[in-house]
Structures are given as structure tokens and as C-alpha cells.
Amino acid sequence: MAEPATISPATLLKDELDIVIPTIRNLDFLEMWRPFFQPYHLIIVQDGDPSKTIKVPEGFDYELYNRNDINRILGPKASCISFKDSACRCFGYMVSKKKYIYTIDDDCFVAKDPSGKDINALEQHIKNLLSPSTPFFFNTLYDPYRAGADFVRGYPFSLREGVPTAVSHGLWLNIPDYDAPTQLVKPLERNTRYVDAIMTIPKGTLFPMCGMNLAFNRELIGAAMYFGLMGDGQPIGRYDDMWAGWCTKVICDHLGLGVKTGLPYIWHSKASNPFVNLKKEYKGIYWQEELIPFFQSVTLPKDCTTVQKCYIEISKQVKAKLGKVDEYFNKLADAMVTWIEAWDELNPSGAKSAELPNGAAK
């Protein structure tokens, strides 16, 4: 029998989880999240002009970092943190000292379930992270650890313990996370479908990871959550979370960790400009036809037993195989190495992810 995760009310893990928010504006959106977020510590990463003052509503426990802080803390290694792009959020992952991270965009609000009740997205992410994943065999009733579900007939008993969950990927009502061409042909489309499901993404399957409603176990996978080089001075944008997701999934598969997607939903309030998005994305739309086969073919040697070792190995393969696609990937591969060096400098004790027996990754 699969036991559902027993979760206490909203302040679960309040001393073990940081909420990371990238922003260029005042954080009035936090008022709506106050009942759910106020017990937690916030890390706000201010993008753009560091002389601008960002206002945070009263009563929240937070630290705020702008570009000057990033440069001061990382020195020359600050070059790996994107500027004028929400990819800068990964700096918050690096400076956090907590076991878990939840990251959300400032245009995301509390959604309602079909009964009209406010959804506590953070609580659901925590439930997802604290219950196992099943990447090696698909369960047709989806997450067997949820109340009212279980493993179906024919599911191997040897796999029913599952594996640790590293990532919980939530979804969005209202404005879907579409690319620019899809936005342009479906300007009025809104997601109104609430699907009450959580599933483990199977081993060997990549997925498009969206960073606007995302939680992860920082100790298990944090060092792989690098959102790349995007935005100012770079030929590409809006692929920061995609890059992190592809790298993370390959590493989770190798180390025998799980990635879940589905609940919780947030309400995504505003559609970004599709013409601006197209300008940011167009190289990525072209390049991804080479990037996906690359990540599908990445193999990591058995001696890659930590996230850091895996990530450095992927950076070498990026340089060797994608460097010929465009010079940008040589630059990105170097930044991946810089990211790991900076991560280990800021997280010296226990920074090196625990050695994981990747025997599970058959």
C-alpha cells in the first residue's frame, strides 16, 4: 500500500525552505500570497537598474540582492549570472542556505481549485518533494503516493519504494507558458483546464521546465539549477529555465532521482509581448532542434556520482558538440564551469552534493 505523504499545515518546512523571486518592480503581488508565504524567508533577486528601490510589503522576512551585490559577492565569477533576464533568479539558489527552494514570478497569483478554494501552491510542492517519485515504471493512476491512489495491478513490487524527488514542476491557469509563435497564432487562448494530477516524468524523457512555479530539493539537485547565460549581451532569452530543466533531468536520470509535474496550479496573470518574445526566442527555436537530440544522447560516466561532477561533464560535452552549432555554446559551457566554482565557494560545507549511488539509474 502506498502511504500518502503526511503533511502538516502551511508552515511546514518554514526553517528549511527559501522562496526565490526575481523582479524589476515593487512586490505588491506578495499581498495575495501573504497567508501562504509570510512564515517563510524570501530571497529577492533584483534585476535591471540596481539604484532603483524595490518595495516589499510589510511583515515579510526577506533579503534582497541587486546587481551590485552579485558583483560584490561573486567578483569575476558574477559573469555567469544573467543580467536583464529572469535567469538571474539562480543567484538566489546559490546564496540560499536552505534544503528546499520554491521560485515564483511576480506576475503569478493564487489560483482557485474547481471548488473555489484558494490553492496553497507551496504546500502542494512540499507534498510532492516529500513523497517519492517513480521514474522507472509508469503508474497509470499517476502519483501512487497521493491519498486515494495506489500502485495499479502489474506494477513491480520491487519498484514501489520509489526514489527521492528532486524537482516539483507546477503549472498555470489563465495565461499558458507558450512560445512566441504559439502566442501570435492564439492571442486569446487561456488555460481553464484544472487537471487534478501529479505524475513522475519517466526516466529518459525530457520536458520543458518552466521556472515560474517550481520547487526543488537544493541539496539533491541545486547545483544543476543554473539558468544559463541569457538576456543582456546574449543572443538568446527565454530559454533559461529550459536549459536548467534539460540539464537537471539528464542528471536526475543518471543519479536515480525523480522529477514530478502537475499540481499545483498558480494563476499566471499577464501575457508577455509576443513580438518581444520572438526576438528573444528566435535563435532558441532554431537551436532547440539540435539541443534536444544532444540532451537525449548525453551519457554520463559512472564516476559522475555528484551533481557537480555530472554538470562539469555536461559542460564538456556542450563545448565539444554544441560549440560547432554556435560560438555562444562555448561561452555557455565556460559559464557552466564558473557557476559550479561559484556554487562550491559559497557552499563549502556540504556544497559538494552527497555522493549518490547511481546504481538505481539502470
Protein backbone atom coordinates (compact mmCIF):
# COMPACT_ATOMS: atom_id res chain seq x y z
CA MET A 1 0.00 0.00 0.00
CA ALA A 2 1.42 3.39 -0.96
CA GLU A 3 1.12 5.66 2.03
CA PRO A 4 0.31 9.28 1.14
CA ALA A 5 2.79 11.82 2.46
CA THR A 6 1.62 13.07 5.85
CA ILE A 7 1.87 16.83 5.72
CA SER A 8 1.07 19.25 8.49
CA PRO A 9 -0.45 22.68 7.72
CA ALA A 10 1.02 25.61 5.86
CA THR A 11 4.13 26.37 7.86
CA LEU A 12 5.69 23.02 7.02
CA LEU A 13 9.46 23.28 6.44
CA LYS A 14 9.43 27.00 7.26
CA ASP A 15 13.03 26.81 8.50
CA GLU A 16 14.14 24.60 5.61
CA LEU A 17 12.78 26.43 2.57
CA ASP A 18 13.54 29.73 0.84
CA ILE A 19 11.25 31.42 -1.68
CA VAL A 20 13.27 32.97 -4.54
CA ILE A 21 11.69 35.78 -6.57
CA PRO A 22 13.38 37.60 -9.49
CA THR A 23 11.90 41.05 -10.12
CA ILE A 24 12.28 44.54 -11.59
CA ARG A 25 9.24 46.01 -9.79
CA ASN A 26 7.58 46.53 -6.42
CA LEU A 27 6.35 43.25 -4.97
CA ASP A 28 2.70 44.11 -4.36
CA PHE A 29 1.78 40.64 -5.62
CA LEU A 30 3.00 39.25 -2.28
CA GLU A 31 -0.10 40.63 -0.55
CA MET A 32 -2.21 37.92 -2.17
CA TRP A 33 0.33 35.27 -1.15
CA ARG A 34 0.67 36.56 2.42
CA PRO A 35 -1.35 33.74 4.09
CA PHE A 36 0.95 31.17 2.47
CA PHE A 37 4.34 32.90 2.17
CA GLN A 38 4.63 35.04 5.28
CA PRO A 39 6.09 32.30 7.53
CA TYR A 40 8.93 31.71 5.04
CA HIS A 41 12.17 33.52 4.24
CA LEU A 42 12.26 35.26 0.85
CA ILE A 43 15.30 35.83 -1.35
CA ILE A 44 14.57 38.62 -3.82
CA VAL A 45 16.91 38.99 -6.79
CA GLN A 46 16.51 42.47 -8.27
CA ASP A 47 17.24 42.60 -11.98
CA GLY A 48 17.97 45.73 -14.01
CA ASP A 49 18.94 49.08 -12.51
CA PRO A 50 20.45 48.48 -9.05
CA SER A 51 19.79 52.09 -8.00
CA LYS A 52 16.03 51.53 -8.22
CA THR A 53 14.32 50.84 -4.89
CA ILE A 54 12.09 47.77 -4.82
CA LYS A 55 9.28 47.99 -2.27
CA VAL A 56 8.36 44.84 -0.37
CA PRO A 57 5.11 44.74 1.65
CA GLU A 58 5.50 44.97 5.45
CA GLY A 59 5.80 41.84 7.51
CA PHE A 60 7.85 39.64 5.18
CA ASP A 61 11.23 38.24 6.20
CA TYR A 62 13.48 38.79 3.20
CA GLU A 63 16.91 39.58 1.85
CA LEU A 64 17.30 41.47 -1.42
CA TYR A 65 20.24 41.28 -3.82
CA ASN A 66 20.79 43.61 -6.78
CA ARG A 67 23.48 43.55 -9.47
CA ASN A 68 25.95 45.41 -7.27
CA ASP A 69 25.52 42.75 -4.57
CA ILE A 70 26.00 39.95 -7.09
CA ASN A 71 29.22 41.57 -8.35
CA ARG A 72 30.47 42.14 -4.79
CA ILE A 73 29.75 38.58 -3.63
CA LEU A 74 30.94 36.69 -6.72
CA GLY A 75 33.63 39.03 -8.06
CA PRO A 76 34.76 37.97 -11.55
CA LYS A 77 32.53 34.88 -11.32
CA ALA A 78 29.48 37.18 -11.45
CA SER A 79 29.85 36.88 -15.22
CA CYS A 80 27.91 33.61 -15.04
CA ILE A 81 24.77 35.35 -13.70
CA SER A 82 22.49 36.78 -16.39
CA PHE A 83 21.51 40.45 -16.44
CA LYS A 84 18.19 41.90 -17.63
CA ASP A 85 16.63 38.45 -17.64
CA SER A 86 14.77 36.44 -15.01
CA ALA A 87 17.59 33.88 -15.28
CA CYS A 88 19.23 35.99 -12.55
CA ARG A 89 16.99 34.08 -10.09
CA CYS A 90 19.54 31.27 -9.90
CA PHE A 91 21.80 33.56 -7.87
CA GLY A 92 19.19 33.17 -5.13
CA TYR A 93 19.58 29.39 -5.28
CA MET A 94 23.31 29.80 -4.81
CA VAL A 95 23.16 32.09 -1.76
CA SER A 96 20.37 30.18 -0.02
CA LYS A 97 21.35 28.05 2.95
CA LYS A 98 18.13 26.03 2.99
CA LYS A 99 17.38 22.50 1.85
CA TYR A 100 14.46 23.43 -0.39
CA ILE A 101 13.74 26.23 -2.87
CA TYR A 102 10.45 27.47 -4.26
CA THR A 103 10.67 30.03 -7.07
CA ILE A 104 7.80 32.07 -8.47
CA ASP A 105 7.41 35.02 -10.86
CA ASP A 106 5.93 38.32 -9.73
CA ASP A 107 3.03 38.09 -12.20
CA CYS A 108 1.76 34.86 -10.64
CA PHE A 109 -1.13 34.93 -8.21
CA VAL A 110 -3.09 32.49 -6.06
CA ALA A 111 -5.29 30.25 -8.22
CA LYS A 112 -8.56 28.62 -7.17
CA ASP A 113 -9.37 24.93 -7.44
CA PRO A 114 -12.67 23.85 -9.09
CA SER A 115 -14.47 24.17 -5.74
CA GLY A 116 -13.45 27.83 -5.50
CA LYS A 117 -10.90 27.30 -2.74
CA ASP A 118 -7.56 29.14 -2.83
CA ILE A 119 -4.72 26.80 -3.80
CA ASN A 120 -1.75 26.77 -1.45
CA ALA A 121 0.82 26.11 -4.17
CA LEU A 122 3.74 25.99 -1.76
CA GLU A 123 2.14 23.33 0.41
CA GLN A 124 1.44 21.12 -2.61
CA HIS A 125 5.02 21.48 -3.86
CA ILE A 126 6.25 20.41 -0.43
CA LYS A 127 3.98 17.34 -0.54
CA ASN A 128 5.40 16.50 -3.96
CA LEU A 129 9.01 16.85 -2.79
CA LEU A 130 8.50 14.86 0.41
CA SER A 131 6.93 11.86 -1.30
CA PRO A 132 8.87 9.55 -3.64
CA SER A 133 8.91 9.53 -7.44
CA THR A 134 8.53 6.56 -9.78
CA PRO A 135 10.71 7.26 -12.86
CA PHE A 136 11.45 3.64 -13.81
CA PHE A 137 7.90 2.37 -14.39
CA PHE A 138 4.81 4.44 -15.17
CA ASN A 139 1.80 4.17 -12.86
CA THR A 140 -1.45 4.65 -14.80
CA LEU A 141 -3.15 6.18 -11.74
CA TYR A 142 -0.37 8.78 -11.74
CA ASP A 143 1.13 9.56 -8.32
CA PRO A 144 0.55 6.41 -6.23
CA TYR A 145 1.51 8.20 -3.01
CA ARG A 146 -1.46 10.58 -3.07
CA ALA A 147 -4.48 9.91 -0.86
CA GLY A 148 -7.00 7.76 -2.72
CA ALA A 149 -4.44 6.35 -5.18
CA ASP A 150 -2.06 3.42 -5.20
CA PHE A 151 0.06 1.27 -7.48
CA VAL A 152 -2.05 -0.49 -10.07
CA ARG A 153 -2.10 -4.22 -10.77
CA GLY A 154 1.04 -5.23 -12.65
CA TYR A 155 3.28 -2.62 -11.04
CA PRO A 156 6.50 -4.33 -9.89
CA PHE A 157 6.71 -4.57 -6.10
CA SER A 158 10.49 -4.11 -6.27
CA LEU A 159 9.97 -0.54 -7.58
CA ARG A 160 7.19 0.57 -5.22
CA GLU A 161 9.50 2.29 -2.75
CA GLY A 162 10.25 4.84 -5.42
CA VAL A 163 13.21 7.22 -5.43
CA PRO A 164 13.80 10.64 -3.81
CA THR A 165 12.02 13.52 -5.54
CA ALA A 166 14.39 16.29 -6.60
CA VAL A 167 12.04 18.58 -8.58
CA SER A 168 8.37 19.55 -8.38
CA HIS A 169 7.19 21.35 -11.52
CA GLY A 170 3.87 23.19 -11.14
CA LEU A 171 1.51 24.52 -13.81
CA TRP A 172 -0.53 27.65 -14.56
CA LEU A 173 -4.13 28.66 -15.09
CA ASN A 174 -5.10 31.61 -17.31
CA ILE A 175 -2.02 32.56 -19.40
CA PRO A 176 -0.27 29.38 -20.59
CA ASP A 177 3.51 29.23 -20.94
CA TYR A 178 3.60 29.39 -24.73
CA ASP A 179 6.43 30.33 -27.06
CA ALA A 180 6.11 33.42 -29.23
CA PRO A 181 4.82 31.74 -32.44
CA THR A 182 2.07 30.00 -30.48
CA GLN A 183 1.23 33.25 -28.67
CA LEU A 184 0.94 35.01 -32.03
CA VAL A 185 -1.50 32.49 -33.54
CA LYS A 186 -3.50 32.03 -30.32
CA PRO A 187 -3.51 35.51 -28.74
CA LEU A 188 -6.75 34.96 -26.81
CA GLU A 189 -6.17 31.40 -25.63
CA ARG A 190 -6.40 30.87 -21.87
CA ASN A 191 -5.86 27.71 -19.87
CA THR A 192 -9.02 26.99 -17.92
CA ARG A 193 -8.44 23.25 -17.51
CA TYR A 194 -7.65 22.19 -13.96
CA VAL A 195 -6.28 18.65 -14.14
CA ASP A 196 -6.09 17.09 -10.69
CA ALA A 197 -2.98 15.03 -11.35
CA ILE A 198 0.69 14.72 -10.45
CA MET A 199 2.98 12.39 -12.33
CA THR A 200 6.61 11.41 -12.39
CA ILE A 201 8.29 12.20 -15.70
CA PRO A 202 9.72 8.85 -16.84
CA LYS A 203 13.45 8.22 -17.00
CA GLY A 204 14.82 9.09 -20.43
CA THR A 205 12.08 11.64 -21.16
CA LEU A 206 12.95 15.33 -21.38
CA PHE A 207 10.41 18.07 -20.66
CA PRO A 208 10.11 21.86 -20.97
CA MET A 209 10.70 23.12 -17.43
CA CYS A 210 9.05 26.46 -16.63
CA GLY A 211 10.67 28.45 -13.81
CA MET A 212 7.65 30.48 -12.74
CA ASN A 213 6.11 27.88 -10.38
CA LEU A 214 8.90 25.49 -9.47
CA ALA A 215 10.26 23.82 -6.34
CA PHE A 216 13.29 21.61 -5.82
CA ASN A 217 15.45 19.95 -3.24
CA ARG A 218 18.53 22.16 -3.24
CA GLU A 219 20.69 19.56 -1.52
CA LEU A 220 19.86 16.91 -4.11
CA ILE A 221 19.92 18.93 -7.34
CA GLY A 222 20.60 22.63 -6.61
CA ALA A 223 23.98 22.79 -8.31
CA ALA A 224 22.36 21.80 -11.63
CA MET A 225 19.73 24.56 -11.44
CA TYR A 226 21.80 27.02 -13.43
CA PHE A 227 19.60 29.18 -15.65
CA GLY A 228 22.33 29.82 -18.18
CA LEU A 229 23.52 32.96 -19.95
CA MET A 230 20.50 34.92 -21.15
CA GLY A 231 19.36 38.49 -21.67
CA ASP A 232 21.73 41.44 -21.86
CA GLY A 233 24.66 40.83 -24.20
CA GLN A 234 23.47 37.33 -25.13
CA PRO A 235 21.93 36.14 -28.42
CA ILE A 236 19.05 34.36 -26.69
CA GLY A 237 16.46 34.75 -23.96
CA ARG A 238 13.50 32.81 -22.50
CA TYR A 239 15.43 29.54 -22.61
CA ASP A 240 16.95 29.90 -19.14
CA ASP A 241 14.55 27.52 -17.39
CA MET A 242 14.54 25.19 -20.40
CA TRP A 243 18.32 24.83 -20.23
CA ALA A 244 18.20 24.20 -16.48
CA GLY A 245 15.43 21.65 -16.98
CA TRP A 246 17.26 19.68 -19.64
CA CYS A 247 20.49 19.56 -17.63
CA THR A 248 18.63 18.72 -14.43
CA LYS A 249 16.58 15.92 -15.98
CA VAL A 250 19.63 14.23 -17.51
CA ILE A 251 21.39 14.39 -14.14
CA CYS A 252 18.34 13.18 -12.19
CA ASP A 253 18.05 10.22 -14.56
CA HIS A 254 21.72 9.39 -14.07
CA LEU A 255 21.64 9.70 -10.27
CA GLY A 256 18.32 7.90 -9.82
CA LEU A 257 16.28 10.94 -8.72
CA GLY A 258 12.71 11.87 -9.58
CA VAL A 259 11.01 14.84 -11.27
CA LYS A 260 7.27 15.41 -10.82
CA THR A 261 4.93 17.62 -12.84
CA GLY A 262 1.28 18.61 -12.47
CA LEU A 263 -0.24 20.16 -9.34
CA PRO A 264 -0.01 22.81 -8.01
CA TYR A 265 -1.50 25.48 -10.24
CA ILE A 266 -0.89 29.20 -9.91
CA TRP A 267 -2.79 32.00 -11.75
CA HIS A 268 -0.49 33.49 -14.39
CA SER A 269 -1.87 36.99 -14.78
CA LYS A 270 -0.27 38.62 -17.77
CA ALA A 271 0.89 37.59 -21.20
CA SER A 272 4.27 38.95 -22.22
CA ASN A 273 4.58 40.69 -25.60
CA PRO A 274 4.86 38.00 -28.31
CA PHE A 275 6.92 40.24 -30.62
CA VAL A 276 9.45 40.97 -27.87
CA ASN A 277 9.44 37.26 -27.02
CA LEU A 278 10.05 36.28 -30.64
CA LYS A 279 13.12 38.49 -30.75
CA LYS A 280 14.45 36.79 -27.61
CA GLU A 281 13.49 33.27 -28.65
CA TYR A 282 14.08 33.01 -32.36
CA LYS A 283 17.59 31.54 -32.13
CA GLY A 284 16.45 29.19 -29.41
CA ILE A 285 13.54 27.96 -31.53
CA TYR A 286 16.05 27.19 -34.26
CA TRP A 287 18.74 25.78 -31.97
CA GLN A 288 16.43 23.58 -29.90
CA GLU A 289 16.13 21.19 -32.84
CA GLU A 290 19.81 20.42 -32.19
CA LEU A 291 19.70 20.85 -28.40
CA ILE A 292 17.03 18.22 -27.77
CA PRO A 293 18.85 15.42 -29.66
CA PHE A 294 22.03 16.49 -27.84
CA PHE A 295 20.44 16.07 -24.40
CA GLN A 296 18.74 12.85 -25.47
CA SER A 297 22.13 11.42 -26.35
CA VAL A 298 24.13 12.67 -23.34
CA THR A 299 25.64 9.83 -21.33
CA LEU A 300 27.40 10.37 -18.04
CA PRO A 301 30.18 8.05 -16.86
CA LYS A 302 29.74 6.02 -13.69
CA ASP A 303 32.32 8.06 -11.79
CA CYS A 304 29.96 11.08 -12.05
CA THR A 305 28.47 10.46 -8.61
CA THR A 306 27.69 14.07 -7.61
CA VAL A 307 25.63 16.76 -9.28
CA GLN A 308 28.75 18.88 -9.68
CA LYS A 309 30.70 16.11 -11.44
CA CYS A 310 27.72 15.46 -13.73
CA TYR A 311 27.35 19.14 -14.53
CA ILE A 312 31.00 19.63 -15.38
CA GLU A 313 30.82 16.57 -17.65
CA ILE A 314 27.78 18.02 -19.45
CA SER A 315 29.64 21.33 -19.89
CA LYS A 316 32.47 19.45 -21.63
CA GLN A 317 30.00 17.76 -23.96
CA VAL A 318 28.27 21.10 -24.65
CA LYS A 319 31.60 22.56 -25.74
CA ALA A 320 32.54 19.52 -27.83
CA LYS A 321 29.21 19.01 -29.59
CA LEU A 322 27.25 22.27 -29.45
CA GLY A 323 30.23 24.60 -29.84
CA LYS A 324 30.10 23.88 -33.57
CA VAL A 325 26.43 24.97 -33.70
CA ASP A 326 27.29 28.45 -32.45
CA GLU A 327 30.10 30.17 -30.55
CA TYR A 328 27.53 31.03 -27.87
CA PHE A 329 27.65 27.43 -26.60
CA ASN A 330 31.39 27.64 -25.95
CA LYS A 331 30.69 30.71 -23.83
CA LEU A 332 27.82 28.94 -22.09
CA ALA A 333 29.96 25.86 -21.37
CA ASP A 334 32.58 28.08 -19.71
CA ALA A 335 29.85 29.81 -17.69
CA MET A 336 28.59 26.39 -16.53
CA VAL A 337 32.01 25.67 -15.05
CA THR A 338 32.16 29.15 -13.46
CA TRP A 339 28.72 28.53 -11.94
CA ILE A 340 29.89 25.31 -10.27
CA GLU A 341 33.05 27.00 -8.96
CA ALA A 342 30.98 29.86 -7.52
CA TRP A 343 28.44 27.40 -6.06
CA ASP A 344 31.17 25.46 -4.26
CA GLU A 345 32.80 28.66 -2.98
CA LEU A 346 29.54 29.89 -1.45
CA ASN A 347 28.56 26.46 -0.17
CA PRO A 348 31.79 24.99 1.21
CA SER A 349 30.37 22.71 3.89
CA GLY A 350 28.25 20.09 2.23
CA ALA A 351 28.37 22.04 -1.00
CA LYS A 352 29.63 19.03 -2.81
CA SER A 353 26.37 17.19 -3.25
CA ALA A 354 26.28 13.96 -1.34
CA GLU A 355 27.64 11.10 -3.36
CA LEU A 356 24.58 9.33 -4.71
CA PRO A 357 24.69 5.68 -5.62
CA ASN A 358 23.67 5.85 -9.24
CA GLY A 359 23.15 2.14 -9.38
CA ALA A 360 19.45 2.94 -9.36
CA ALA A 361 19.91 4.62 -12.71
CA LYS A 362 19.76 1.42 -14.69
